[in-house]
Amino acid sequence: MEKNRDEKAGKTQENMNRQEVLFGDRNDGKLIVSFSENDLELRADFIPPAGGGRFLSANNVGAILQRLNIVYGIRWNTIQEALEACSRDHRQIKDVLVAAGDPPINEVTEYFEINPLLTQSGWTADDRGRVDYRSRSPFIIVKKGQALAKLRPRREGKEGRNVHDAVIPFEVVRTEGLSGGDNTRTEGSLILSEINGQLVESKKVLSVQETLVIKGAVDYATGNIVFPGDVMIEGPVSDGFKIYSGGSVTIKQTFDVTEAVTKGDLAVAGGIIGRGAALLKVGGGIRTKFIENCRAAARKAIFVDSEIINSSVFTLEHIEMGDRGMILGGDIYAVHGIKTGGIGKKAGKSTHIHCGIDFTAQQEKEKNNNRLRILAAKLDKVRELLAAGAEGEKRSKIEELLRRLEEEQQNASARVTTLLDHINTDENAVVEVSGEIRPGTLIEICQIALFVAEPLRKVRIRLDKAGGKLVSGPL
């Protein structure tokens, strides 16, 4: 009902603005004219004559415009074209812009507007045009010193003129601009970020937060998380999504890890679940309920309440489990030792415990040993080519290749020798088990191994350096 009344009122207003203008008899050609708001425009319908009447001429139209006091912005070329079409085709020519004034240009006061580069976003596609929907993020991440907003200078206003050559005054538009809030500063015409963080706008105030707080889950609504500071996630992290943090990460539910790298600590109230290829690198320590099917490395201590299952876990400090915590399958590297409720399981993947060694040095040594094996094979083939009697330029190239491979072999061998002196880092590391170590478990301290053939209960295992073996005693 209200819509119908509005439409009816609009048509009534339109009819009030339209007026028929005659020149001569009723049967002569005529104009039906209408003025826009503020008489800024005049539009007309050109009506052909009826019953032997006369067509309108340019002089007739001029007289009509003079009668209506139309003196500014008259479009004579358009009028002439409409008159010719009306006369030639003997038909109505409707809605012709006969005269147009100049609209006023409003004055706009100065104001800060957001840097448009911060609001630009797009999908990441591979070379085949396939879109990774996890690459898009709803968060705006800024760097220290980055421009958040720029001052739009005042725009001067300009008066307009209507078709009667009357002045149309301009208005002053006061735009509510942005202002700087927490962790921002204003310098001249720019609002700058004081820190690396997330840009947040609230009530026209721009602030930069050191911590990225995600109220729900990490999924397609958030995309992958890449943030320079601390991250707090109140929901779970779905499989397939990656997290990169320049600070610490706190997750209040389960972490279904695909790939995550944090500079600080990682705290997971639920557990950490991987899919075999899951990779977790933590610059600080880890605290969680359990770790399952994951490869996790931390520079500091790792605390796990219940279980580490079929995982490769590395720390440059120690691992501490809950009173009933269990390590069930996988490879565990802890420089200063392990404290747990139990190790090993009846069937399935065996458990290997490595303590007292720097796993980073151990991995680099293995990498260099692999390189030495590859170099040895290459050197054998190069020497075979030389023995086959190559001559001239070809022989020179083979000799140069031999020289480079031998030099690379010497460097790798020297690096392995150096690493051997740095792998064993804590001869006092111990493995404490308040429950049982099941048969099939392998325990190493400073590369000296103990294979558990019979169950061991409530023991502390340490290195007897003088005897060159591991010994166990009651806990």
Protein backbone atom coordinates (compact mmCIF):
# COMPACT_ATOMS: atom_id res chain seq x y z
CA MET A 1 0.00 0.00 0.00
CA GLU A 2 2.74 2.46 1.01
CA LYS A 3 4.73 1.61 -2.12
CA ASN A 4 1.68 2.31 -4.33
CA ARG A 5 1.12 5.66 -2.58
CA ASP A 6 4.78 6.59 -3.11
CA GLU A 7 4.64 5.70 -6.81
CA LYS A 8 1.39 7.69 -7.21
CA ALA A 9 2.91 10.68 -5.44
CA GLY A 10 5.96 10.51 -7.72
CA LYS A 11 3.82 10.48 -10.85
CA THR A 12 1.76 13.40 -9.53
CA GLN A 13 4.93 15.40 -8.92
CA GLU A 14 6.16 14.53 -12.42
CA ASN A 15 2.88 15.71 -13.94
CA MET A 16 3.07 18.96 -11.97
CA ASN A 17 6.54 19.63 -13.44
CA ARG A 18 5.37 18.94 -17.00
CA GLN A 19 3.56 21.65 -18.90
CA GLU A 20 2.26 21.99 -22.41
CA VAL A 21 3.50 25.05 -24.31
CA LEU A 22 1.69 26.13 -27.46
CA PHE A 23 2.78 28.46 -30.19
CA GLY A 24 -0.10 29.39 -32.47
CA ASP A 25 -3.27 27.29 -32.85
CA ARG A 26 -4.16 24.10 -30.97
CA ASN A 27 -3.46 22.05 -34.07
CA ASP A 28 0.03 23.47 -34.52
CA GLY A 29 3.15 21.69 -33.26
CA LYS A 30 3.91 22.19 -29.60
CA LEU A 31 6.29 21.38 -26.77
CA ILE A 32 5.65 19.58 -23.50
CA VAL A 33 8.40 20.74 -21.16
CA SER A 34 9.55 19.74 -17.67
CA PHE A 35 12.10 21.28 -15.32
CA SER A 36 14.42 19.26 -13.10
CA GLU A 37 15.10 20.14 -9.48
CA ASN A 38 16.48 23.66 -9.07
CA ASP A 39 15.65 24.23 -12.75
CA LEU A 40 19.03 22.78 -13.55
CA GLU A 41 17.73 21.12 -16.74
CA LEU A 42 14.87 21.64 -19.17
CA ARG A 43 13.63 18.62 -21.13
CA ALA A 44 10.94 18.65 -23.82
CA ASP A 45 8.77 16.39 -25.93
CA PHE A 46 8.44 17.68 -29.49
CA ILE A 47 4.83 17.11 -30.66
CA PRO A 48 4.04 17.22 -34.40
CA PRO A 49 0.98 19.19 -35.62
CA ALA A 50 -2.46 17.65 -36.08
CA GLY A 51 -5.20 18.31 -38.66
CA GLY A 52 -3.16 20.43 -41.05
CA GLY A 53 -1.42 22.50 -38.39
CA ARG A 54 2.04 24.00 -38.72
CA PHE A 55 5.32 22.41 -37.57
CA LEU A 56 7.39 24.21 -35.00
CA SER A 57 10.41 26.10 -36.27
CA ALA A 58 13.64 27.07 -34.49
CA ASN A 59 12.26 30.62 -34.19
CA ASN A 60 9.10 29.27 -32.56
CA VAL A 61 11.17 27.30 -30.05
CA GLY A 62 13.31 30.38 -29.39
CA ALA A 63 10.19 32.38 -28.61
CA ILE A 64 8.91 29.65 -26.27
CA LEU A 65 12.26 29.55 -24.42
CA GLN A 66 12.20 33.31 -24.08
CA ARG A 67 8.67 33.13 -22.68
CA LEU A 68 9.90 30.54 -20.13
CA ASN A 69 12.96 32.70 -19.29
CA ILE A 70 15.41 30.04 -20.53
CA VAL A 71 18.61 31.97 -21.15
CA TYR A 72 21.50 29.69 -20.09
CA GLY A 73 22.86 26.43 -21.50
CA ILE A 74 20.52 26.21 -24.52
CA ARG A 75 21.43 23.30 -26.82
CA TRP A 76 20.49 24.59 -30.24
CA ASN A 77 22.04 21.71 -32.20
CA THR A 78 19.99 19.20 -30.23
CA ILE A 79 16.85 21.30 -30.70
CA GLN A 80 17.42 21.51 -34.47
CA GLU A 81 17.91 17.72 -34.74
CA ALA A 82 14.68 17.12 -32.81
CA LEU A 83 12.73 19.58 -35.00
CA GLU A 84 14.00 17.91 -38.19
CA ALA A 85 13.16 14.41 -36.94
CA CYS A 86 9.69 15.50 -35.81
CA SER A 87 8.97 17.13 -39.20
CA ARG A 88 10.49 14.38 -41.32
CA ASP A 89 8.91 11.41 -39.54
CA HIS A 90 5.80 13.22 -38.27
CA ARG A 91 6.24 11.63 -34.85
CA GLN A 92 6.83 12.69 -31.26
CA ILE A 93 10.45 13.15 -30.23
CA LYS A 94 10.49 12.60 -26.48
CA ASP A 95 12.71 13.62 -23.59
CA VAL A 96 15.07 15.93 -25.42
CA LEU A 97 17.56 17.86 -23.28
CA VAL A 98 16.84 21.40 -24.48
CA ALA A 99 18.91 23.33 -21.94
CA ALA A 100 21.30 22.38 -19.12
CA GLY A 101 22.87 24.53 -16.46
CA ASP A 102 26.00 23.86 -14.42
CA PRO A 103 25.47 21.90 -11.19
CA PRO A 104 27.16 23.27 -8.08
CA ILE A 105 30.30 21.52 -6.80
CA ASN A 106 30.05 21.03 -3.06
CA GLU A 107 32.88 21.99 -0.78
CA VAL A 108 34.39 18.96 1.03
CA THR A 109 36.38 19.49 4.20
CA GLU A 110 39.69 17.68 4.66
CA TYR A 111 39.59 14.19 6.17
CA PHE A 112 41.71 11.05 6.56
CA GLU A 113 40.79 8.06 4.41
CA ILE A 114 42.20 4.52 4.60
CA ASN A 115 45.15 3.61 2.41
CA PRO A 116 43.45 1.87 -0.56
CA LEU A 117 46.36 -0.56 -0.91
CA LEU A 118 45.38 -2.08 2.44
CA THR A 119 41.91 -3.02 1.26
CA GLN A 120 43.00 -4.59 -2.01
CA SER A 121 42.91 -8.37 -1.95
CA GLY A 122 42.87 -11.14 -4.46
CA TRP A 123 43.02 -14.87 -4.91
CA THR A 124 46.32 -16.69 -5.30
CA ALA A 125 46.33 -18.89 -8.39
CA ASP A 126 48.97 -21.32 -9.62
CA ASP A 127 50.41 -21.41 -13.14
CA ARG A 128 47.38 -23.39 -14.30
CA GLY A 129 44.94 -20.81 -13.01
CA ARG A 130 43.78 -22.94 -10.10
CA VAL A 131 42.76 -20.92 -7.04
CA ASP A 132 43.97 -21.69 -3.53
CA TYR A 133 40.99 -20.57 -1.48
CA ARG A 134 43.08 -20.87 1.71
CA SER A 135 45.37 -18.06 0.56
CA ARG A 136 42.81 -15.28 1.07
CA SER A 137 42.55 -13.66 4.48
CA PRO A 138 39.97 -11.30 5.97
CA PHE A 139 42.62 -9.72 8.20
CA ILE A 140 44.63 -6.63 7.29
CA ILE A 141 48.21 -7.09 8.44
CA VAL A 142 50.47 -4.03 8.51
CA LYS A 143 54.13 -3.37 9.15
CA LYS A 144 55.76 -0.84 11.42
CA GLY A 145 55.96 2.52 9.67
CA GLN A 146 53.36 1.59 7.04
CA ALA A 147 50.85 4.26 6.00
CA LEU A 148 47.38 3.39 7.30
CA ALA A 149 45.51 6.49 6.13
CA LYS A 150 46.17 9.61 4.06
CA LEU A 151 44.75 13.11 4.43
CA ARG A 152 42.40 14.10 1.64
CA PRO A 153 42.81 17.88 1.23
CA ARG A 154 39.88 20.29 1.30
CA ARG A 155 38.03 20.58 -2.01
CA GLU A 156 36.76 24.05 -2.75
CA GLY A 157 33.12 24.49 -3.64
CA LYS A 158 31.80 26.16 -6.78
CA GLU A 159 28.44 27.80 -7.38
CA GLY A 160 26.23 26.41 -10.11
CA ARG A 161 23.81 28.09 -12.57
CA ASN A 162 20.38 26.97 -13.66
CA VAL A 163 18.77 27.46 -17.07
CA HIS A 164 17.44 30.86 -15.93
CA ASP A 165 21.07 31.94 -15.28
CA ALA A 166 20.30 32.05 -11.56
CA VAL A 167 23.00 31.10 -9.05
CA ILE A 168 22.70 27.71 -7.29
CA PRO A 169 24.71 27.84 -4.06
CA PHE A 170 27.01 24.96 -3.11
CA GLU A 171 26.90 23.04 0.17
CA VAL A 172 29.69 22.26 2.62
CA VAL A 173 30.10 18.49 3.11
CA ARG A 174 31.84 17.55 6.34
CA THR A 175 33.06 13.96 5.86
CA GLU A 176 33.68 11.98 9.01
CA GLY A 177 37.24 10.87 8.48
CA LEU A 178 39.41 8.37 10.28
CA SER A 179 41.63 9.06 13.27
CA GLY A 180 44.56 7.20 14.78
CA GLY A 181 44.19 4.99 17.84
CA ASP A 182 46.43 2.53 19.69
CA ASN A 183 49.88 1.88 18.22
CA THR A 184 49.57 4.58 15.55
CA ARG A 185 50.99 8.06 15.07
CA THR A 186 50.10 10.96 12.82
CA GLU A 187 52.83 12.65 10.81
CA GLY A 188 51.71 15.44 8.52
CA SER A 189 49.24 14.02 6.04
CA LEU A 190 49.70 10.36 7.08
CA ILE A 191 48.58 8.06 9.90
CA LEU A 192 51.37 5.51 10.39
CA SER A 193 51.60 2.19 12.24
CA GLU A 194 53.91 2.08 15.24
CA ILE A 195 54.19 -1.72 15.23
CA ASN A 196 53.75 -4.85 13.14
CA GLY A 197 50.23 -6.16 13.69
CA GLN A 198 46.57 -6.34 12.67
CA LEU A 199 44.80 -3.19 11.53
CA VAL A 200 41.39 -2.78 13.16
CA GLU A 201 38.85 -0.03 12.48
CA SER A 202 36.22 0.71 15.11
CA LYS A 203 34.00 3.79 15.10
CA LYS A 204 36.27 5.53 12.59
CA VAL A 205 39.35 4.94 14.77
CA LEU A 206 42.28 2.97 13.33
CA SER A 207 44.28 0.83 15.75
CA VAL A 208 47.00 -1.78 15.32
CA GLN A 209 46.81 -4.85 17.57
CA GLU A 210 49.87 -6.83 18.59
CA THR A 211 47.78 -9.98 19.00
CA LEU A 212 45.58 -11.54 16.31
CA VAL A 213 42.48 -12.92 18.02
CA ILE A 214 40.36 -15.38 16.02
CA LYS A 215 37.01 -15.93 17.73
CA GLY A 216 36.13 -19.11 15.86
CA ALA A 217 37.90 -21.80 13.86
CA VAL A 218 40.72 -21.49 11.37
CA ASP A 219 39.07 -22.61 8.12
CA TYR A 220 38.02 -21.16 4.75
CA ALA A 221 36.51 -18.14 6.55
CA THR A 222 39.96 -17.10 7.81
CA GLY A 223 42.31 -18.69 5.31
CA ASN A 224 45.90 -19.45 6.27
CA ILE A 225 47.17 -17.41 9.21
CA VAL A 226 50.27 -15.27 8.61
CA PHE A 227 50.88 -12.77 11.42
CA PRO A 228 53.97 -10.98 12.77
CA GLY A 229 52.89 -11.14 16.43
CA ASP A 230 51.03 -13.41 18.84
CA VAL A 231 48.01 -15.40 17.62
CA MET A 232 45.10 -16.56 19.79
CA ILE A 233 42.63 -19.01 18.25
CA GLU A 234 39.49 -19.76 20.23
CA GLY A 235 38.23 -22.53 17.93
CA PRO A 236 39.86 -25.56 16.29
CA VAL A 237 42.34 -25.41 13.41
CA SER A 238 41.09 -27.41 10.41
CA ASP A 239 43.23 -29.74 8.34
CA GLY A 240 44.89 -28.13 5.33
CA PHE A 241 45.40 -24.66 6.85
CA LYS A 242 48.82 -23.25 7.71
CA ILE A 243 49.92 -20.96 10.53
CA TYR A 244 52.97 -18.70 10.53
CA SER A 245 53.49 -16.49 13.58
CA GLY A 246 56.24 -14.07 14.55
CA GLY A 247 55.20 -14.52 18.19
CA SER A 248 53.45 -17.18 20.25
CA VAL A 249 50.35 -19.18 19.28
CA THR A 250 47.57 -20.18 21.67
CA ILE A 251 44.85 -22.58 20.49
CA LYS A 252 41.95 -23.29 22.85
CA GLN A 253 40.74 -26.42 21.04
CA THR A 254 42.26 -29.11 18.80
CA PHE A 255 45.07 -28.29 16.38
CA ASP A 256 44.76 -30.34 13.18
CA VAL A 257 48.20 -29.34 11.97
CA THR A 258 49.27 -29.24 8.33
CA GLU A 259 52.17 -26.82 8.65
CA ALA A 260 52.91 -24.31 11.39
CA VAL A 261 55.91 -22.16 12.23
CA THR A 262 56.04 -19.98 15.34
CA LYS A 263 58.83 -17.79 16.66
CA GLY A 264 57.54 -18.05 20.22
CA ASP A 265 55.71 -20.69 22.25
CA LEU A 266 52.84 -22.94 21.17
CA ALA A 267 50.07 -23.76 23.66
CA VAL A 268 47.23 -26.08 22.61
CA ALA A 269 44.45 -26.76 25.11
CA GLY A 270 43.23 -29.72 23.05
CA GLY A 271 45.69 -31.94 21.26
CA ILE A 272 47.93 -31.78 18.19
CA ILE A 273 46.89 -34.11 15.37
CA GLY A 274 48.92 -34.54 12.20
CA ARG A 275 48.40 -36.50 8.98
CA GLY A 276 51.83 -38.07 8.75
CA ALA A 277 53.32 -35.24 6.67
CA ALA A 278 52.38 -32.59 9.24
CA LEU A 279 55.23 -30.24 10.16
CA LEU A 280 55.47 -28.10 13.28
CA LYS A 281 58.41 -25.77 14.05
CA VAL A 282 58.37 -23.83 17.31
CA GLY A 283 60.95 -21.25 18.35
CA GLY A 284 59.88 -21.51 21.99
CA GLY A 285 58.30 -24.38 23.90
CA ILE A 286 55.24 -26.57 23.35
CA ARG A 287 52.48 -27.32 25.85
CA THR A 288 49.60 -29.55 24.78
CA LYS A 289 47.34 -32.44 25.76
CA PHE A 290 48.69 -34.95 23.21
CA ILE A 291 50.71 -35.20 19.98
CA GLU A 292 49.66 -37.69 17.32
CA ASN A 293 51.13 -38.52 13.89
CA CYS A 294 53.13 -35.33 13.72
CA ARG A 295 56.69 -34.09 13.21
CA ALA A 296 57.24 -31.40 15.85
CA ALA A 297 60.43 -29.50 16.68
CA ALA A 298 60.91 -26.96 19.48
CA ARG A 299 63.91 -25.07 20.78
CA LYS A 300 62.62 -25.13 24.36
CA ALA A 301 60.91 -27.67 26.62
CA ILE A 302 57.88 -29.70 25.56
CA PHE A 303 55.09 -30.53 28.04
CA VAL A 304 52.51 -33.15 27.05
CA ASP A 305 49.73 -34.21 29.42
CA SER A 306 48.77 -37.61 28.07
CA GLU A 307 50.34 -39.20 24.96
CA ILE A 308 52.85 -38.83 22.16
CA ILE A 309 51.74 -41.30 19.48
CA ASN A 310 53.67 -42.32 16.34
CA SER A 311 55.39 -38.95 16.10
CA SER A 312 58.86 -37.54 15.58
CA VAL A 313 59.41 -34.97 18.34
CA PHE A 314 62.54 -32.86 18.75
CA THR A 315 63.59 -30.43 21.50
CA LEU A 316 66.85 -28.77 22.50
CA GLU A 317 65.75 -28.97 26.15
CA HIS A 318 63.62 -31.72 27.76
CA ILE A 319 60.26 -33.46 27.41
CA GLU A 320 57.98 -33.81 30.42
CA MET A 321 54.81 -35.89 30.36
CA GLY A 322 51.93 -36.07 32.82
CA ASP A 323 51.98 -38.67 35.60
CA ARG A 324 50.25 -41.16 33.31
CA GLY A 325 51.76 -39.84 30.10
CA MET A 326 52.83 -42.38 27.47
CA ILE A 327 55.22 -42.29 24.52
CA LEU A 328 53.83 -44.77 22.02
CA GLY A 329 55.89 -45.26 18.86
CA GLY A 330 58.03 -42.83 16.92
CA ASP A 331 61.38 -41.08 17.40
CA ILE A 332 61.92 -38.73 20.31
CA TYR A 333 64.93 -36.39 20.57
CA ALA A 334 65.38 -34.48 23.84
CA VAL A 335 68.81 -33.02 24.65
CA HIS A 336 68.42 -32.96 28.45
CA GLY A 337 66.22 -36.01 28.88
CA ILE A 338 62.68 -37.24 29.28
CA LYS A 339 60.28 -37.72 32.16
CA THR A 340 57.23 -39.84 31.41
CA GLY A 341 54.80 -42.42 32.75
CA GLY A 342 55.56 -45.10 30.16
CA ILE A 343 57.34 -45.85 26.89
CA GLY A 344 56.45 -48.27 24.12
CA LYS A 345 53.47 -50.44 23.21
CA LYS A 346 52.74 -54.12 22.77
CA ALA A 347 52.52 -54.04 18.97
CA GLY A 348 53.03 -51.68 16.07
CA LYS A 349 55.71 -49.08 15.54
CA SER A 350 58.60 -49.27 18.00
CA THR A 351 59.73 -46.32 20.10
CA HIS A 352 63.22 -44.81 19.84
CA ILE A 353 64.42 -42.34 22.49
CA HIS A 354 67.49 -40.17 21.80
CA CYS A 355 68.87 -37.95 24.58
CA GLY A 356 72.05 -35.99 25.20
CA ILE A 357 72.52 -35.10 21.53
CA ASP A 358 71.88 -31.93 19.56
CA PHE A 359 69.44 -33.14 16.93
CA THR A 360 70.20 -30.17 14.67
CA ALA A 361 73.86 -31.19 14.52
CA GLN A 362 72.84 -34.84 14.09
CA GLN A 363 70.58 -33.98 11.14
CA GLU A 364 73.26 -31.85 9.53
CA LYS A 365 75.75 -34.69 9.93
CA GLU A 366 73.34 -37.12 8.24
CA LYS A 367 72.78 -34.59 5.46
CA ASN A 368 76.54 -34.31 4.87
CA ASN A 369 76.97 -38.10 4.99
CA ASN A 370 74.30 -38.46 2.30
CA ARG A 371 76.10 -35.82 0.28
CA LEU A 372 79.39 -37.74 0.67
CA ARG A 373 77.76 -40.91 -0.67
CA ILE A 374 76.47 -39.03 -3.73
CA LEU A 375 79.87 -37.38 -4.30
CA ALA A 376 81.66 -40.74 -4.08
CA ALA A 377 79.44 -42.14 -6.82
CA LYS A 378 80.01 -39.08 -9.03
CA LEU A 379 83.79 -39.23 -8.50
CA ASP A 380 83.87 -42.89 -9.55
CA LYS A 381 82.12 -42.02 -12.84
CA VAL A 382 84.41 -39.03 -13.53
CA ARG A 383 87.54 -41.13 -12.93
CA GLU A 384 86.17 -43.79 -15.29
CA LEU A 385 85.80 -41.11 -18.00
CA LEU A 386 89.42 -40.02 -17.49
CA ALA A 387 90.64 -43.61 -17.61
CA ALA A 388 88.77 -44.09 -20.90
CA GLY A 389 91.30 -41.75 -22.54
CA ALA A 390 89.45 -38.50 -23.12
CA GLU A 391 91.64 -35.86 -24.80
CA GLY A 392 91.86 -32.17 -25.53
CA GLU A 393 89.18 -29.76 -24.34
CA LYS A 394 86.93 -32.60 -23.19
CA ARG A 395 89.66 -33.94 -20.88
CA SER A 396 90.24 -30.44 -19.44
CA LYS A 397 86.57 -30.13 -18.57
CA ILE A 398 86.50 -33.56 -16.93
CA GLU A 399 89.63 -32.73 -14.89
CA GLU A 400 88.05 -29.44 -13.76
CA LEU A 401 84.90 -31.30 -12.70
CA LEU A 402 87.04 -33.84 -10.82
CA ARG A 403 88.82 -31.03 -8.99
CA ARG A 404 85.55 -29.39 -7.92
CA LEU A 405 84.03 -32.67 -6.74
CA GLU A 406 87.14 -33.57 -4.71
CA GLU A 407 87.10 -30.10 -3.11
CA GLU A 408 83.41 -30.48 -2.23
CA GLN A 409 84.14 -33.94 -0.79
CA GLN A 410 86.90 -32.53 1.43
CA ASN A 411 84.63 -29.76 2.71
CA ALA A 412 81.80 -32.19 3.52
CA SER A 413 84.21 -34.55 5.31
CA ALA A 414 85.64 -31.69 7.35
CA ARG A 415 82.11 -30.56 8.28
CA VAL A 416 81.21 -34.09 9.47
CA THR A 417 84.36 -34.21 11.61
CA THR A 418 83.48 -30.85 13.17
CA LEU A 419 79.89 -31.91 13.85
CA LEU A 420 81.00 -35.10 15.62
CA ASP A 421 82.46 -32.91 18.36
CA HIS A 422 79.16 -31.04 18.78
CA ILE A 423 76.55 -33.77 18.61
CA ASN A 424 76.92 -35.04 22.19
CA THR A 425 75.92 -32.08 24.32
CA ASP A 426 74.64 -33.44 27.67
CA GLU A 427 76.22 -36.52 29.22
CA ASN A 428 74.02 -36.02 32.31
CA ALA A 429 70.75 -36.47 30.42
CA VAL A 430 68.41 -39.03 31.99
CA VAL A 431 65.26 -40.90 31.05
CA GLU A 432 62.84 -41.22 33.98
CA VAL A 433 59.86 -43.57 33.70
CA SER A 434 57.38 -43.84 36.56
CA GLY A 435 55.54 -46.72 34.88
CA GLU A 436 56.84 -49.28 32.40
CA ILE A 437 59.20 -49.36 29.44
CA ARG A 438 57.93 -52.06 27.10
CA PRO A 439 60.21 -54.49 25.22
CA GLY A 440 61.30 -53.36 21.77
CA THR A 441 62.09 -49.81 22.93
CA LEU A 442 65.49 -48.36 22.00
CA ILE A 443 67.01 -45.73 24.29
CA GLU A 444 70.15 -43.73 23.40
CA ILE A 445 72.08 -41.23 25.47
CA CYS A 446 75.01 -39.55 23.72
CA GLN A 447 74.79 -42.18 20.94
CA ILE A 448 75.21 -45.10 23.36
CA ALA A 449 72.21 -47.39 23.07
CA LEU A 450 70.18 -49.65 25.31
CA PHE A 451 67.73 -52.07 23.70
CA VAL A 452 64.96 -53.02 26.11
CA ALA A 453 64.33 -56.76 25.76
CA GLU A 454 62.46 -57.21 29.03
CA PRO A 455 59.99 -54.81 30.68
CA LEU A 456 61.57 -52.16 32.91
CA ARG A 457 59.45 -50.53 35.61
CA LYS A 458 59.96 -47.36 37.59
CA VAL A 459 63.50 -46.71 36.42
CA ARG A 460 65.95 -43.92 35.76
CA ILE A 461 68.30 -44.55 32.84
CA ARG A 462 71.57 -42.63 32.61
CA LEU A 463 74.95 -42.75 30.90
CA ASP A 464 77.87 -44.58 32.55
CA LYS A 465 80.58 -42.82 30.61
CA ALA A 466 83.43 -44.77 32.19
CA GLY A 467 81.79 -48.09 31.37
CA GLY A 468 80.64 -46.91 27.95
CA LYS A 469 77.08 -48.07 28.52
CA LEU A 470 73.65 -47.06 29.78
CA VAL A 471 72.60 -48.18 33.23
CA SER A 472 69.21 -48.24 34.89
CA GLY A 473 68.40 -47.75 38.53
CA PRO A 474 65.22 -47.52 40.60
CA LEU A 475 63.32 -44.27 40.37
